[in-house]
Amino acid sequence: MALLDLLGRRWALRVIWELTQIDGPTFRELQERCGSISSSVLTQRLAELAEAGIVGRADRGYELTPHGRELSADLLRLERWADRWAEQADT
């Protein structure tokens, strides 16, 4: 599965984002933080992200792997670029 296909799936980026905000959330904590995500979709996204080497199991919950932390840093850089682009598009 190509990475961009995975990241484009509903809730995938939100799961990654939430894992950058809290250390080792349990499944229920992660589900609550993601709002209206169903347990079956969260289970599927976690499995796909784990298969891609982005998410792993922590002592009591889930965490980003080293690849996942690197990806989240790159996504933050992309967000900053998008903000600059939006500002230029508005002028």
C-alpha atoms as a PDB file:
ATOM      1  CA  MET A   1       0.000   0.000   0.000  1.00  0.00           C
ATOM      2  CA  ALA A   2       1.441   3.340  -0.984  1.00  0.00           C
ATOM      3  CA  LEU A   3       1.966   5.763   1.874  1.00  0.00           C
ATOM      4  CA  LEU A   4      -0.085   8.555   0.328  1.00  0.00           C
ATOM      5  CA  ASP A   5      -2.985   6.162  -0.211  1.00  0.00           C
ATOM      6  CA  LEU A   6      -2.819   5.224   3.457  1.00  0.00           C
ATOM      7  CA  LEU A   7      -2.553   8.817   4.653  1.00  0.00           C
ATOM      8  CA  GLY A   8      -5.477   9.774   2.435  1.00  0.00           C
ATOM      9  CA  ARG A   9      -7.790   7.327   4.174  1.00  0.00           C
ATOM     10  CA  ARG A  10     -10.344   8.831   6.480  1.00  0.00           C
ATOM     11  CA  TRP A  11      -9.036   9.334  10.032  1.00  0.00           C
ATOM     12  CA  ALA A  12      -5.441   8.237   9.297  1.00  0.00           C
ATOM     13  CA  LEU A  13      -3.925  11.707   9.677  1.00  0.00           C
ATOM     14  CA  ARG A  14      -6.100  12.421  12.708  1.00  0.00           C
ATOM     15  CA  VAL A  15      -4.828   9.278  14.432  1.00  0.00           C
ATOM     16  CA  ILE A  16      -1.233  10.305  13.713  1.00  0.00           C
ATOM     17  CA  TRP A  17      -1.943  13.836  14.977  1.00  0.00           C
ATOM     18  CA  GLU A  18      -3.486  12.580  18.213  1.00  0.00           C
ATOM     19  CA  LEU A  19      -0.507  10.306  18.816  1.00  0.00           C
ATOM     20  CA  THR A  20       1.736  13.382  18.668  1.00  0.00           C
ATOM     21  CA  GLN A  21      -0.386  15.078  21.337  1.00  0.00           C
ATOM     22  CA  ILE A  22      -0.508  12.415  24.074  1.00  0.00           C
ATOM     23  CA  ASP A  23       1.914   9.714  25.188  1.00  0.00           C
ATOM     24  CA  GLY A  24       0.722   6.129  24.803  1.00  0.00           C
ATOM     25  CA  PRO A  25      -3.051   6.552  24.720  1.00  0.00           C
ATOM     26  CA  THR A  26      -5.193   3.468  25.151  1.00  0.00           C
ATOM     27  CA  PHE A  27      -7.606   2.494  22.401  1.00  0.00           C
ATOM     28  CA  ARG A  28     -10.506   4.157  24.253  1.00  0.00           C
ATOM     29  CA  GLU A  29      -8.534   7.350  24.910  1.00  0.00           C
ATOM     30  CA  LEU A  30      -7.546   7.546  21.264  1.00  0.00           C
ATOM     31  CA  GLN A  31     -11.127   6.916  20.169  1.00  0.00           C
ATOM     32  CA  GLU A  32     -12.401   9.697  22.458  1.00  0.00           C
ATOM     33  CA  ARG A  33      -9.793  12.128  21.163  1.00  0.00           C
ATOM     34  CA  CYS A  34     -10.794  11.355  17.575  1.00  0.00           C
ATOM     35  CA  GLY A  35     -14.425  12.259  18.216  1.00  0.00           C
ATOM     36  CA  SER A  36     -16.857  10.322  16.075  1.00  0.00           C
ATOM     37  CA  ILE A  37     -14.547   7.577  14.790  1.00  0.00           C
ATOM     38  CA  SER A  38     -16.064   4.112  15.095  1.00  0.00           C
ATOM     39  CA  SER A  39     -14.162   1.376  16.892  1.00  0.00           C
ATOM     40  CA  SER A  40     -14.012  -0.727  13.711  1.00  0.00           C
ATOM     41  CA  VAL A  41     -12.500   2.127  11.675  1.00  0.00           C
ATOM     42  CA  LEU A  42     -10.006   2.956  14.422  1.00  0.00           C
ATOM     43  CA  THR A  43      -9.012  -0.699  14.648  1.00  0.00           C
ATOM     44  CA  GLN A  44      -8.513  -0.812  10.890  1.00  0.00           C
ATOM     45  CA  ARG A  45      -6.495   2.422  10.761  1.00  0.00           C
ATOM     46  CA  LEU A  46      -4.265   1.346  13.644  1.00  0.00           C
ATOM     47  CA  ALA A  47      -3.634  -1.988  11.919  1.00  0.00           C
ATOM     48  CA  GLU A  48      -2.796  -0.289   8.620  1.00  0.00           C
ATOM     49  CA  LEU A  49      -0.540   2.279  10.274  1.00  0.00           C
ATOM     50  CA  ALA A  50       1.179  -0.495  12.236  1.00  0.00           C
ATOM     51  CA  GLU A  51       1.684  -2.533   9.058  1.00  0.00           C
ATOM     52  CA  ALA A  52       3.277   0.539   7.473  1.00  0.00           C
ATOM     53  CA  GLY A  53       5.618   0.902  10.475  1.00  0.00           C
ATOM     54  CA  ILE A  54       4.141   4.234  11.583  1.00  0.00           C
ATOM     55  CA  VAL A  55       2.334   3.181  14.769  1.00  0.00           C
ATOM     56  CA  GLY A  56       3.303   0.628  17.377  1.00  0.00           C
ATOM     57  CA  ARG A  57       2.100  -0.642  20.730  1.00  0.00           C
ATOM     58  CA  ALA A  58       3.237   1.169  23.859  1.00  0.00           C
ATOM     59  CA  ASP A  59       3.202  -0.220  27.391  1.00  0.00           C
ATOM     60  CA  ARG A  60      -0.495   0.463  27.797  1.00  0.00           C
ATOM     61  CA  GLY A  61      -1.592   1.852  24.434  1.00  0.00           C
ATOM     62  CA  TYR A  62      -0.260   3.152  21.137  1.00  0.00           C
ATOM     63  CA  GLU A  63       2.638   5.338  20.046  1.00  0.00           C
ATOM     64  CA  LEU A  64       4.368   6.587  16.945  1.00  0.00           C
ATOM     65  CA  THR A  65       7.380   4.564  15.887  1.00  0.00           C
ATOM     66  CA  PRO A  66      10.598   6.355  14.915  1.00  0.00           C
ATOM     67  CA  HIS A  67       9.291   6.362  11.316  1.00  0.00           C
ATOM     68  CA  GLY A  68       5.989   7.763  12.565  1.00  0.00           C
ATOM     69  CA  ARG A  69       7.713  10.559  14.480  1.00  0.00           C
ATOM     70  CA  GLU A  70       9.764  11.407  11.393  1.00  0.00           C
ATOM     71  CA  LEU A  71       6.592  11.442   9.291  1.00  0.00           C
ATOM     72  CA  SER A  72       4.779  13.716  11.758  1.00  0.00           C
ATOM     73  CA  ALA A  73       7.703  16.175  11.658  1.00  0.00           C
ATOM     74  CA  ASP A  74       7.517  16.192   7.855  1.00  0.00           C
ATOM     75  CA  LEU A  75       3.750  16.725   8.007  1.00  0.00           C
ATOM     76  CA  LEU A  76       4.293  19.750  10.261  1.00  0.00           C
ATOM     77  CA  ARG A  77       6.708  21.183   7.704  1.00  0.00           C
ATOM     78  CA  LEU A  78       4.089  20.607   5.014  1.00  0.00           C
ATOM     79  CA  GLU A  79       1.513  22.416   7.159  1.00  0.00           C
ATOM     80  CA  ARG A  80       3.819  25.420   7.519  1.00  0.00           C
ATOM     81  CA  TRP A  81       4.357  25.441   3.750  1.00  0.00           C
ATOM     82  CA  ALA A  82       0.587  25.269   3.186  1.00  0.00           C
ATOM     83  CA  ASP A  83       0.049  28.216   5.550  1.00  0.00           C
ATOM     84  CA  ARG A  84       2.569  30.321   3.602  1.00  0.00           C
ATOM     85  CA  TRP A  85       0.964  29.281   0.327  1.00  0.00           C
ATOM     86  CA  ALA A  86      -2.508  30.207   1.598  1.00  0.00           C
ATOM     87  CA  GLU A  87      -1.292  33.622   2.694  1.00  0.00           C
ATOM     88  CA  GLN A  88       0.159  34.272  -0.764  1.00  0.00           C
ATOM     89  CA  ALA A  89      -2.997  33.024  -2.471  1.00  0.00           C
ATOM     90  CA  ASP A  90      -5.089  35.496  -0.445  1.00  0.00           C
ATOM     91  CA  THR A  91      -3.075  38.502  -1.606  1.00  0.00           C
END
